[in-house]
C-alpha atoms as a PDB file:
ATOM      1  CA  MET A   1      -4.711   1.535  -0.253  1.00  0.00           C
ATOM      2  CA  THR A   2      -6.152   3.523  -3.110  1.00  0.00           C
ATOM      3  CA  SER A   3      -7.216   6.290  -0.675  1.00  0.00           C
ATOM      4  CA  SER A   4      -3.596   5.980   1.127  1.00  0.00           C
ATOM      5  CA  ALA A   5      -2.286   6.971  -2.368  1.00  0.00           C
ATOM      6  CA  VAL A   6      -4.419   9.820  -2.936  1.00  0.00           C
ATOM      7  CA  LEU A   7      -3.945  11.125   0.414  1.00  0.00           C
ATOM      8  CA  LEU A   8      -0.213  10.718  -0.066  1.00  0.00           C
ATOM      9  CA  MET A   9      -0.480  12.869  -3.102  1.00  0.00           C
ATOM     10  CA  TYR A  10      -2.499  15.459  -1.529  1.00  0.00           C
ATOM     11  CA  MET A  11       0.410  15.699   1.324  1.00  0.00           C
ATOM     12  CA  ALA A  12       3.132  15.810  -1.000  1.00  0.00           C
ATOM     13  CA  TYR A  13       1.823  18.129  -3.754  1.00  0.00           C
ATOM     14  CA  GLY A  14      -0.782  20.078  -2.219  1.00  0.00           C
ATOM     15  CA  MET A  15      -4.468  20.307  -2.665  1.00  0.00           C
ATOM     16  CA  ASP A  16      -4.342  22.424  -5.915  1.00  0.00           C
ATOM     17  CA  VAL A  17      -1.745  20.708  -7.910  1.00  0.00           C
ATOM     18  CA  VAL A  18      -3.654  17.371  -7.154  1.00  0.00           C
ATOM     19  CA  GLU A  19      -6.884  18.627  -8.246  1.00  0.00           C
ATOM     20  CA  LYS A  20      -5.520  19.620 -11.693  1.00  0.00           C
ATOM     21  CA  VAL A  21      -4.307  16.227 -11.992  1.00  0.00           C
ATOM     22  CA  ILE A  22      -7.213  14.310 -10.747  1.00  0.00           C
ATOM     23  CA  PRO A  23     -10.275  16.379 -11.838  1.00  0.00           C
ATOM     24  CA  ILE A  24     -12.704  14.069 -10.030  1.00  0.00           C
ATOM     25  CA  ASN A  25     -15.662  15.074  -7.721  1.00  0.00           C
ATOM     26  CA  PHE A  26     -15.294  12.229  -5.243  1.00  0.00           C
ATOM     27  CA  GLN A  27     -18.897  12.781  -4.019  1.00  0.00           C
ATOM     28  CA  TYR A  28     -19.922  11.968  -7.739  1.00  0.00           C
ATOM     29  CA  LEU A  29     -17.540   8.771  -7.174  1.00  0.00           C
ATOM     30  CA  ILE A  30     -19.619   7.822  -3.969  1.00  0.00           C
ATOM     31  CA  LEU A  31     -23.125   8.091  -6.254  1.00  0.00           C
ATOM     32  CA  LEU A  32     -21.600   5.999  -9.029  1.00  0.00           C
ATOM     33  CA  GLY A  33     -20.357   3.150  -6.565  1.00  0.00           C
ATOM     34  CA  LEU A  34     -23.846   3.103  -4.942  1.00  0.00           C
ATOM     35  CA  PHE A  35     -25.369   3.075  -8.501  1.00  0.00           C
ATOM     36  CA  ILE A  36     -23.108   0.317  -9.736  1.00  0.00           C
ATOM     37  CA  ALA A  37     -23.621  -2.014  -6.370  1.00  0.00           C
ATOM     38  CA  VAL A  38     -27.346  -1.420  -6.250  1.00  0.00           C
ATOM     39  CA  ALA A  39     -27.750  -2.035  -9.934  1.00  0.00           C
ATOM     40  CA  THR A  40     -25.889  -5.375  -9.721  1.00  0.00           C
ATOM     41  CA  GLY A  41     -28.480  -6.548  -7.058  1.00  0.00           C
ATOM     42  CA  ILE A  42     -31.342  -5.219  -8.863  1.00  0.00           C
ATOM     43  CA  GLY A  43     -30.152  -6.968 -12.232  1.00  0.00           C
ATOM     44  CA  ALA A  44     -30.542 -10.252 -10.138  1.00  0.00           C
ATOM     45  CA  ILE A  45     -33.965  -9.583  -9.282  1.00  0.00           C
ATOM     46  CA  LEU A  46     -34.789  -8.395 -12.861  1.00  0.00           C
ATOM     47  CA  LEU A  47     -33.800 -12.104 -14.058  1.00  0.00           C
ATOM     48  CA  GLY A  48     -35.864 -13.560 -11.381  1.00  0.00           C
ATOM     49  CA  GLU A  49     -32.945 -14.523  -9.125  1.00  0.00           C
ATOM     50  CA  PRO A  50     -32.331 -13.359  -5.315  1.00  0.00           C
ATOM     51  CA  PHE A  51     -30.999 -10.149  -4.695  1.00  0.00           C
ATOM     52  CA  LEU A  52     -27.325 -10.056  -5.394  1.00  0.00           C
ATOM     53  CA  SER A  53     -27.336 -13.624  -6.706  1.00  0.00           C
ATOM     54  CA  HIS A  54     -23.899 -14.173  -7.784  1.00  0.00           C
ATOM     55  CA  THR A  55     -23.635 -15.331 -11.773  1.00  0.00           C
ATOM     56  CA  PHE A  56     -20.796 -15.382 -14.125  1.00  0.00           C
ATOM     57  CA  GLY A  57     -20.027 -15.518 -17.917  1.00  0.00           C
ATOM     58  CA  TYR A  58     -17.001 -15.592 -20.168  1.00  0.00           C
ATOM     59  CA  VAL A  59     -15.556 -13.227 -22.583  1.00  0.00           C
ATOM     60  CA  THR A  60     -13.003 -13.658 -24.930  1.00  0.00           C
ATOM     61  CA  LEU A  61     -10.146 -10.733 -25.323  1.00  0.00           C
ATOM     62  CA  PRO A  62      -7.833 -10.560 -27.922  1.00  0.00           C
ATOM     63  CA  ILE A  63      -4.374 -10.584 -26.001  1.00  0.00           C
ATOM     64  CA  PHE A  64      -5.773 -12.219 -22.636  1.00  0.00           C
ATOM     65  CA  GLY A  65      -7.994 -15.033 -24.422  1.00  0.00           C
ATOM     66  CA  GLU A  66     -10.838 -16.471 -22.335  1.00  0.00           C
ATOM     67  CA  ILE A  67     -11.691 -14.410 -18.916  1.00  0.00           C
ATOM     68  CA  GLU A  68     -14.505 -14.904 -16.608  1.00  0.00           C
ATOM     69  CA  LEU A  69     -16.996 -11.879 -15.864  1.00  0.00           C
ATOM     70  CA  ALA A  70     -18.836 -12.207 -12.594  1.00  0.00           C
ATOM     71  CA  THR A  71     -21.317  -9.968 -11.115  1.00  0.00           C
ATOM     72  CA  ALA A  72     -19.460 -10.267  -7.503  1.00  0.00           C
ATOM     73  CA  MET A  73     -16.634  -8.282  -9.375  1.00  0.00           C
ATOM     74  CA  LEU A  74     -19.214  -5.433 -10.539  1.00  0.00           C
ATOM     75  CA  PHE A  75     -20.416  -5.294  -7.029  1.00  0.00           C
ATOM     76  CA  ASP A  76     -16.944  -5.271  -5.640  1.00  0.00           C
ATOM     77  CA  ILE A  77     -16.131  -2.389  -8.119  1.00  0.00           C
ATOM     78  CA  GLY A  78     -19.047  -0.609  -6.716  1.00  0.00           C
ATOM     79  CA  VAL A  79     -18.001  -1.030  -3.177  1.00  0.00           C
ATOM     80  CA  PHE A  80     -14.412  -0.038  -4.141  1.00  0.00           C
ATOM     81  CA  PHE A  81     -15.756   3.565  -5.734  1.00  0.00           C
ATOM     82  CA  THR A  82     -17.878   3.981  -2.706  1.00  0.00           C
ATOM     83  CA  VAL A  83     -15.240   3.708  -0.292  1.00  0.00           C
ATOM     84  CA  LEU A  84     -12.662   5.860  -1.904  1.00  0.00           C
ATOM     85  CA  GLY A  85     -15.061   8.496  -2.756  1.00  0.00           C
ATOM     86  CA  VAL A  86     -16.168   8.433   1.073  1.00  0.00           C
ATOM     87  CA  THR A  87     -12.462   8.381   2.475  1.00  0.00           C
ATOM     88  CA  ILE A  88     -11.100  11.198   0.364  1.00  0.00           C
ATOM     89  CA  THR A  89     -14.419  13.100   0.802  1.00  0.00           C
ATOM     90  CA  ILE A  90     -13.862  12.766   4.484  1.00  0.00           C
ATOM     91  CA  ILE A  91     -10.217  13.793   4.327  1.00  0.00           C
ATOM     92  CA  LEU A  92     -10.767  16.816   2.280  1.00  0.00           C
ATOM     93  CA  THR A  93     -13.612  18.186   4.494  1.00  0.00           C
ATOM     94  CA  ILE A  94     -11.318  17.787   7.468  1.00  0.00           C
ATOM     95  CA  ALA A  95      -8.349  19.598   5.716  1.00  0.00           C
ATOM     96  CA  SER A  96     -10.472  22.191   4.283  1.00  0.00           C
ATOM     97  CA  ASP A  97     -11.543  23.233   7.937  1.00  0.00           C
ATOM     98  CA  GLN A  98      -7.931  23.880   8.863  1.00  0.00           C
END
């Protein structure tokens, strides 16, 4: 859905305007996502667990109170960044060829 939203911004405002508003190199976002996803798995190995083992803990935040932090959430964030970066990179590559 995020990729669709960014694509709609590109279609509505043009590439130059969106690149000024969102100054992100989406190829670096792919690398960041892959790093987060792989680091989540390697972190489990360093703790003596199998690759991508799920664990969780609790953090207390001032407004929200106690919330759960899970390694599955970190892995999902890595996948999100990777998919977003790949999708937008493919779309921009196709659009720049025309």
